[in-house]
Amino acid sequence: MATRTAAQRREQARVEYDAFLRNCPTHQLVDRISDKWVCLVIAALSTGPMRYSDLSRKIAGVSPKMLTQTLRSLERDGVLSRTVTAAVPVRVDYELTPLGTGLAHVLTAVKDWAETHIEQVHEARDRYDAESRSS
């Protein structure tokens, strides 16, 4: 059996990633990035850096705990960076990394699609509900 380097093992694992498998890391990543708060945070930051308070005002309905958890998980994943500036009070800014900017294109498109097609979705729901009641 031939010995493989760490880089070769990583490349082989990358080729074998399958997001349809529960234990695959890509399955877990898809789960993370499909979260509504992740989508909204990334879309908000796609226009440029923001402070925590600006994000909490922009994203209606997000609790402080959920916003903090979302920001920490995205920082851990390398999607955004957190910059602390010594001041009184301390200033903390969040900004998308190059990795996050790539993801922002996709998630902003999803947000835009939802905003564009919500009326069609409402109409489809109304038709479905009316047909379900008459069956």
Protein backbone atom coordinates (compact mmCIF):
# COMPACT_ATOMS: atom_id res chain seq x y z
CA MET A 1 0.00 0.00 0.00
CA ALA A 2 1.46 3.35 -1.06
CA THR A 3 1.94 6.07 1.52
CA ARG A 4 0.11 9.31 0.77
CA THR A 5 0.99 12.80 1.95
CA ALA A 6 -1.44 14.88 3.99
CA ALA A 7 -2.07 17.04 0.92
CA GLN A 8 -2.90 13.95 -1.15
CA ARG A 9 -5.28 12.69 1.55
CA ARG A 10 -7.03 16.09 1.69
CA GLU A 11 -7.35 16.15 -2.10
CA GLN A 12 -8.84 12.64 -2.10
CA ALA A 13 -11.32 13.64 0.62
CA ARG A 14 -12.25 16.75 -1.35
CA VAL A 15 -13.04 14.64 -4.41
CA GLU A 16 -15.20 12.37 -2.26
CA TYR A 17 -17.26 15.15 -0.58
CA ASP A 18 -20.98 14.51 -0.96
CA ALA A 19 -23.36 16.97 0.69
CA PHE A 20 -26.17 14.41 0.50
CA LEU A 21 -24.38 12.30 3.13
CA ARG A 22 -25.15 13.30 6.71
CA ASN A 23 -21.61 12.90 8.03
CA CYS A 24 -19.97 14.78 5.18
CA PRO A 25 -18.53 18.16 6.24
CA THR A 26 -20.20 19.76 3.23
CA HIS A 27 -23.60 18.56 4.51
CA GLN A 28 -22.92 20.42 7.74
CA LEU A 29 -21.76 23.52 5.84
CA VAL A 30 -24.90 23.55 3.68
CA ASP A 31 -26.93 23.32 6.88
CA ARG A 32 -25.05 26.31 8.31
CA ILE A 33 -25.31 28.57 5.27
CA SER A 34 -28.98 27.78 4.65
CA ASP A 35 -29.92 29.31 8.01
CA LYS A 36 -32.07 32.43 7.59
CA TRP A 37 -29.96 34.50 9.98
CA VAL A 38 -26.77 33.56 8.13
CA CYS A 39 -28.36 34.57 4.84
CA LEU A 40 -29.53 37.91 6.22
CA VAL A 41 -26.24 38.72 8.00
CA ILE A 42 -24.23 37.99 4.88
CA ALA A 43 -26.62 39.98 2.69
CA ALA A 44 -26.39 42.92 5.11
CA LEU A 45 -22.59 42.79 5.13
CA SER A 46 -22.43 42.53 1.34
CA THR A 47 -22.76 46.32 1.20
CA GLY A 48 -19.73 46.84 3.45
CA PRO A 49 -18.56 46.60 7.06
CA MET A 50 -21.09 47.10 9.83
CA ARG A 51 -21.11 47.35 13.59
CA TYR A 52 -23.07 44.91 15.74
CA SER A 53 -25.71 47.54 16.57
CA ASP A 54 -26.17 48.37 12.87
CA LEU A 55 -26.68 44.70 12.06
CA SER A 56 -29.20 44.23 14.86
CA ARG A 57 -31.19 47.25 13.62
CA LYS A 58 -31.07 46.13 9.97
CA ILE A 59 -32.12 42.51 10.61
CA ALA A 60 -35.59 42.65 12.11
CA GLY A 61 -36.46 39.93 14.59
CA VAL A 62 -32.98 38.62 15.34
CA SER A 63 -32.32 38.29 19.06
CA PRO A 64 -28.99 39.47 20.49
CA LYS A 65 -28.12 35.87 21.38
CA MET A 66 -28.86 34.58 17.86
CA LEU A 67 -26.99 37.44 16.19
CA THR A 68 -23.95 36.84 18.40
CA GLN A 69 -24.02 33.08 17.71
CA THR A 70 -24.39 33.66 13.98
CA LEU A 71 -21.52 36.16 13.86
CA ARG A 72 -19.24 33.86 15.86
CA SER A 73 -19.99 30.85 13.66
CA LEU A 74 -19.37 32.86 10.48
CA GLU A 75 -16.10 34.21 11.89
CA ARG A 76 -15.04 30.67 12.81
CA ASP A 77 -15.85 29.49 9.27
CA GLY A 78 -13.75 32.29 7.78
CA VAL A 79 -16.74 33.98 6.15
CA LEU A 80 -16.42 37.24 8.04
CA SER A 81 -13.80 39.05 10.06
CA ARG A 82 -14.23 40.90 13.31
CA THR A 83 -12.16 44.02 13.95
CA VAL A 84 -11.95 45.52 17.43
CA THR A 85 -10.88 49.16 17.67
CA ALA A 86 -9.77 50.47 21.04
CA ALA A 87 -12.07 53.36 21.87
CA VAL A 88 -14.55 54.32 24.53
CA PRO A 89 -16.77 52.44 24.07
CA VAL A 90 -14.92 49.71 22.19
CA ARG A 91 -15.80 49.63 18.49
CA VAL A 92 -16.36 46.25 16.83
CA ASP A 93 -16.83 46.01 13.06
CA TYR A 94 -17.78 42.97 11.01
CA GLU A 95 -16.79 42.56 7.38
CA LEU A 96 -16.98 39.80 4.80
CA THR A 97 -13.75 38.03 3.93
CA PRO A 98 -13.01 37.08 0.30
CA LEU A 99 -14.58 33.69 1.09
CA GLY A 100 -17.66 35.44 2.46
CA THR A 101 -17.89 37.74 -0.54
CA GLY A 102 -18.15 34.71 -2.81
CA LEU A 103 -20.92 33.30 -0.64
CA ALA A 104 -22.65 36.69 -0.53
CA HIS A 105 -23.22 36.59 -4.29
CA VAL A 106 -25.17 33.36 -3.93
CA LEU A 107 -27.12 34.25 -0.78
CA THR A 108 -27.94 37.77 -1.93
CA ALA A 109 -29.36 36.24 -5.11
CA VAL A 110 -31.58 33.99 -2.96
CA LYS A 111 -32.74 37.00 -0.91
CA ASP A 112 -33.42 38.99 -4.09
CA TRP A 113 -35.34 36.05 -5.59
CA ALA A 114 -37.51 35.84 -2.47
CA GLU A 115 -38.25 39.57 -2.57
CA THR A 116 -39.08 39.41 -6.29
CA HIS A 117 -41.27 36.31 -6.20
CA ILE A 118 -43.08 36.51 -2.86
CA GLU A 119 -46.38 37.51 -4.50
CA GLN A 120 -46.26 34.46 -6.78
CA VAL A 121 -45.55 32.26 -3.77
CA HIS A 122 -48.52 33.76 -1.90
CA GLU A 123 -50.77 33.09 -4.91
CA ALA A 124 -49.54 29.50 -5.16
CA ARG A 125 -50.16 28.95 -1.45
CA ASP A 126 -53.67 30.39 -1.73
CA ARG A 127 -54.46 28.08 -4.70
CA TYR A 128 -53.03 25.06 -2.88
CA ASP A 129 -54.96 25.83 0.31
CA ALA A 130 -58.20 26.35 -1.65
CA GLU A 131 -57.73 23.04 -3.50
CA SER A 132 -56.89 21.23 -0.26
CA ARG A 133 -60.07 22.50 1.41
CA SER A 134 -62.25 21.43 -1.52
CA SER A 135 -60.81 17.90 -1.65
